[in-house]
Amino acid sequence: QVQLVESGGGSVQVGGSLRLSCAASGYSVRGNYMGWFRQVSGKEREGVACIAATTSYSDSVKGRFTISKDNAENTLYLQMNSLKPEDSAMYYCAAGGYRICSGASWVAYWGQGTQVTVSS
């Protein structure tokens, strides 16, 4: 059974950093397509970063966020630096098809989410 469990969210000040973790079971992080999405209530879930054929980032986080894998731990990470209030959202780990970077419709498995709140 595939399980994706996020952790590392919390409340930080503007300009601060957080590292989100996604521990996978029943699924190989090394050999599959994965990403991070985020969602604010009332808005569409949007892609933040993904690893498929290449590594991709949304324009809003490029240069500030880094997605990575620890294959030995079967864990996906999102390092978030220089955080802004508009980064506040529920962040979801995702696994799915080879076009997962194209959007949420390609996601087969979701984590439960971890909340990130950035305040000034």
C-alpha atoms as a PDB file:
ATOM      1  CA  GLN A   1       0.000   0.000   0.000  1.00  0.00           C
ATOM      2  CA  VAL A   2       1.402   3.379  -1.013  1.00  0.00           C
ATOM      3  CA  GLN A   3       1.746   5.936   1.747  1.00  0.00           C
ATOM      4  CA  LEU A   4       3.254   9.410   1.568  1.00  0.00           C
ATOM      5  CA  VAL A   5       3.692  11.164   4.898  1.00  0.00           C
ATOM      6  CA  GLU A   6       4.726  14.824   5.010  1.00  0.00           C
ATOM      7  CA  SER A   7       6.379  16.583   7.914  1.00  0.00           C
ATOM      8  CA  GLY A   8       8.339  19.744   8.604  1.00  0.00           C
ATOM      9  CA  GLY A   9       5.677  22.391   8.195  1.00  0.00           C
ATOM     10  CA  GLY A  10       5.112  25.132  10.721  1.00  0.00           C
ATOM     11  CA  SER A  11       5.048  28.874  11.293  1.00  0.00           C
ATOM     12  CA  VAL A  12       7.995  31.064  10.329  1.00  0.00           C
ATOM     13  CA  GLN A  13       8.785  34.728   9.871  1.00  0.00           C
ATOM     14  CA  VAL A  14       9.225  36.352   6.472  1.00  0.00           C
ATOM     15  CA  GLY A  15      12.657  35.466   5.130  1.00  0.00           C
ATOM     16  CA  GLY A  16      12.896  32.290   7.154  1.00  0.00           C
ATOM     17  CA  SER A  17      13.428  28.724   6.008  1.00  0.00           C
ATOM     18  CA  LEU A  18      11.739  25.352   6.356  1.00  0.00           C
ATOM     19  CA  ARG A  19      12.512  21.892   5.065  1.00  0.00           C
ATOM     20  CA  LEU A  20       9.573  19.668   4.247  1.00  0.00           C
ATOM     21  CA  SER A  21       9.995  15.902   4.199  1.00  0.00           C
ATOM     22  CA  CYS A  22       7.911  13.217   2.509  1.00  0.00           C
ATOM     23  CA  ALA A  23       8.540   9.692   3.731  1.00  0.00           C
ATOM     24  CA  ALA A  24       7.320   7.128   1.218  1.00  0.00           C
ATOM     25  CA  SER A  25       6.357   3.521   1.774  1.00  0.00           C
ATOM     26  CA  GLY A  26       5.120   1.033  -0.797  1.00  0.00           C
ATOM     27  CA  TYR A  27       6.589   3.310  -3.465  1.00  0.00           C
ATOM     28  CA  SER A  28      10.103   3.934  -4.741  1.00  0.00           C
ATOM     29  CA  VAL A  29      11.138   7.571  -4.574  1.00  0.00           C
ATOM     30  CA  ARG A  30      14.241   6.722  -6.574  1.00  0.00           C
ATOM     31  CA  GLY A  31      12.467   5.162  -9.528  1.00  0.00           C
ATOM     32  CA  ASN A  32       9.301   7.221  -9.868  1.00  0.00           C
ATOM     33  CA  TYR A  33       7.913  10.676 -10.580  1.00  0.00           C
ATOM     34  CA  MET A  34       7.270  12.895  -7.582  1.00  0.00           C
ATOM     35  CA  GLY A  35       6.557  16.464  -6.666  1.00  0.00           C
ATOM     36  CA  TRP A  36       5.263  19.021  -4.219  1.00  0.00           C
ATOM     37  CA  PHE A  37       1.982  20.890  -4.589  1.00  0.00           C
ATOM     38  CA  ARG A  38       0.380  23.548  -2.437  1.00  0.00           C
ATOM     39  CA  GLN A  39      -3.144  24.788  -1.914  1.00  0.00           C
ATOM     40  CA  VAL A  40      -4.852  27.719  -0.240  1.00  0.00           C
ATOM     41  CA  SER A  41      -8.523  27.353   0.692  1.00  0.00           C
ATOM     42  CA  GLY A  42     -10.732  28.343  -2.211  1.00  0.00           C
ATOM     43  CA  LYS A  43      -7.971  28.051  -4.782  1.00  0.00           C
ATOM     44  CA  GLU A  44      -6.747  25.347  -7.119  1.00  0.00           C
ATOM     45  CA  ARG A  45      -3.955  23.082  -5.973  1.00  0.00           C
ATOM     46  CA  GLU A  46      -0.817  24.188  -7.785  1.00  0.00           C
ATOM     47  CA  GLY A  47       2.475  22.542  -8.556  1.00  0.00           C
ATOM     48  CA  VAL A  48       5.503  23.879  -6.719  1.00  0.00           C
ATOM     49  CA  ALA A  49       8.347  21.572  -7.692  1.00  0.00           C
ATOM     50  CA  CYS A  50       8.694  18.158  -9.275  1.00  0.00           C
ATOM     51  CA  ILE A  51      11.151  15.518 -10.372  1.00  0.00           C
ATOM     52  CA  ALA A  52      10.247  13.677 -13.561  1.00  0.00           C
ATOM     53  CA  ALA A  53      12.392  13.587 -16.704  1.00  0.00           C
ATOM     54  CA  THR A  54      13.874  16.818 -15.372  1.00  0.00           C
ATOM     55  CA  THR A  55      13.578  18.879 -12.213  1.00  0.00           C
ATOM     56  CA  SER A  56      11.118  21.764 -12.505  1.00  0.00           C
ATOM     57  CA  TYR A  57       9.897  24.641 -10.345  1.00  0.00           C
ATOM     58  CA  SER A  58       7.049  27.080 -10.535  1.00  0.00           C
ATOM     59  CA  ASP A  59       8.108  30.614 -11.392  1.00  0.00           C
ATOM     60  CA  SER A  60       7.018  31.867  -7.983  1.00  0.00           C
ATOM     61  CA  VAL A  61       9.481  29.657  -6.082  1.00  0.00           C
ATOM     62  CA  LYS A  62      12.359  29.310  -8.531  1.00  0.00           C
ATOM     63  CA  GLY A  63      15.625  30.305  -6.915  1.00  0.00           C
ATOM     64  CA  ARG A  64      14.205  29.964  -3.396  1.00  0.00           C
ATOM     65  CA  PHE A  65      13.039  26.333  -3.166  1.00  0.00           C
ATOM     66  CA  THR A  66      14.971  23.146  -3.870  1.00  0.00           C
ATOM     67  CA  ILE A  67      13.468  19.684  -4.383  1.00  0.00           C
ATOM     68  CA  SER A  68      15.639  16.656  -3.701  1.00  0.00           C
ATOM     69  CA  LYS A  69      15.582  12.939  -2.947  1.00  0.00           C
ATOM     70  CA  ASP A  70      17.334  10.814  -0.384  1.00  0.00           C
ATOM     71  CA  ASN A  71      17.127   7.447  -2.093  1.00  0.00           C
ATOM     72  CA  ALA A  72      18.576   5.525   0.849  1.00  0.00           C
ATOM     73  CA  GLU A  73      15.814   6.878   3.100  1.00  0.00           C
ATOM     74  CA  ASN A  74      13.158   6.732   0.357  1.00  0.00           C
ATOM     75  CA  THR A  75      12.298  10.330   1.184  1.00  0.00           C
ATOM     76  CA  LEU A  76      11.485  13.419  -0.878  1.00  0.00           C
ATOM     77  CA  TYR A  77      12.431  16.860   0.436  1.00  0.00           C
ATOM     78  CA  LEU A  78      11.559  20.465  -0.271  1.00  0.00           C
ATOM     79  CA  GLN A  79      13.987  23.041   1.080  1.00  0.00           C
ATOM     80  CA  MET A  80      12.251  26.415   1.257  1.00  0.00           C
ATOM     81  CA  ASN A  81      14.316  29.564   1.758  1.00  0.00           C
ATOM     82  CA  SER A  82      13.506  33.281   1.770  1.00  0.00           C
ATOM     83  CA  LEU A  83       9.902  32.519   2.593  1.00  0.00           C
ATOM     84  CA  LYS A  84       7.192  35.049   1.778  1.00  0.00           C
ATOM     85  CA  PRO A  85       3.640  35.423   3.131  1.00  0.00           C
ATOM     86  CA  GLU A  86       2.291  34.258  -0.242  1.00  0.00           C
ATOM     87  CA  ASP A  87       4.050  30.927   0.324  1.00  0.00           C
ATOM     88  CA  SER A  88       1.581  30.188   3.128  1.00  0.00           C
ATOM     89  CA  ALA A  89      -0.417  27.103   2.131  1.00  0.00           C
ATOM     90  CA  MET A  90      -0.999  23.439   2.755  1.00  0.00           C
ATOM     91  CA  TYR A  91       1.848  21.578   1.077  1.00  0.00           C
ATOM     92  CA  TYR A  92       1.271  18.113  -0.364  1.00  0.00           C
ATOM     93  CA  CYS A  93       3.710  15.452  -1.417  1.00  0.00           C
ATOM     94  CA  ALA A  94       2.642  13.691  -4.602  1.00  0.00           C
ATOM     95  CA  ALA A  95       3.559  10.723  -6.774  1.00  0.00           C
ATOM     96  CA  GLY A  96       2.194   9.840 -10.179  1.00  0.00           C
ATOM     97  CA  GLY A  97       2.583   9.704 -13.911  1.00  0.00           C
ATOM     98  CA  TYR A  98       5.485  10.885 -16.011  1.00  0.00           C
ATOM     99  CA  ARG A  99       3.762  14.211 -16.682  1.00  0.00           C
ATOM    100  CA  ILE A 100       3.285  15.006 -13.001  1.00  0.00           C
ATOM    101  CA  CYS A 101       5.010  18.340 -13.644  1.00  0.00           C
ATOM    102  CA  SER A 102       2.058  19.254 -15.875  1.00  0.00           C
ATOM    103  CA  GLY A 103      -0.431  19.355 -13.011  1.00  0.00           C
ATOM    104  CA  ALA A 104      -2.440  17.626 -10.329  1.00  0.00           C
ATOM    105  CA  SER A 105      -4.393  15.522 -12.836  1.00  0.00           C
ATOM    106  CA  TRP A 106      -1.285  13.365 -13.200  1.00  0.00           C
ATOM    107  CA  VAL A 107      -1.033  12.611  -9.486  1.00  0.00           C
ATOM    108  CA  ALA A 108      -1.922   9.084  -8.394  1.00  0.00           C
ATOM    109  CA  TYR A 109      -1.008   9.341  -4.711  1.00  0.00           C
ATOM    110  CA  TRP A 110      -1.190  12.259  -2.286  1.00  0.00           C
ATOM    111  CA  GLY A 111       0.203  12.789   1.166  1.00  0.00           C
ATOM    112  CA  GLN A 112      -2.020  14.194   3.900  1.00  0.00           C
ATOM    113  CA  GLY A 113      -0.428  17.636   3.713  1.00  0.00           C
ATOM    114  CA  THR A 114       1.603  19.803   6.051  1.00  0.00           C
ATOM    115  CA  GLN A 115       0.741  23.427   6.810  1.00  0.00           C
ATOM    116  CA  VAL A 116       3.204  26.239   6.164  1.00  0.00           C
ATOM    117  CA  THR A 117       2.436  29.691   7.538  1.00  0.00           C
ATOM    118  CA  VAL A 118       4.694  32.673   6.853  1.00  0.00           C
ATOM    119  CA  SER A 119       4.024  35.800   8.879  1.00  0.00           C
ATOM    120  CA  SER A 120       5.443  39.302   9.061  1.00  0.00           C
END
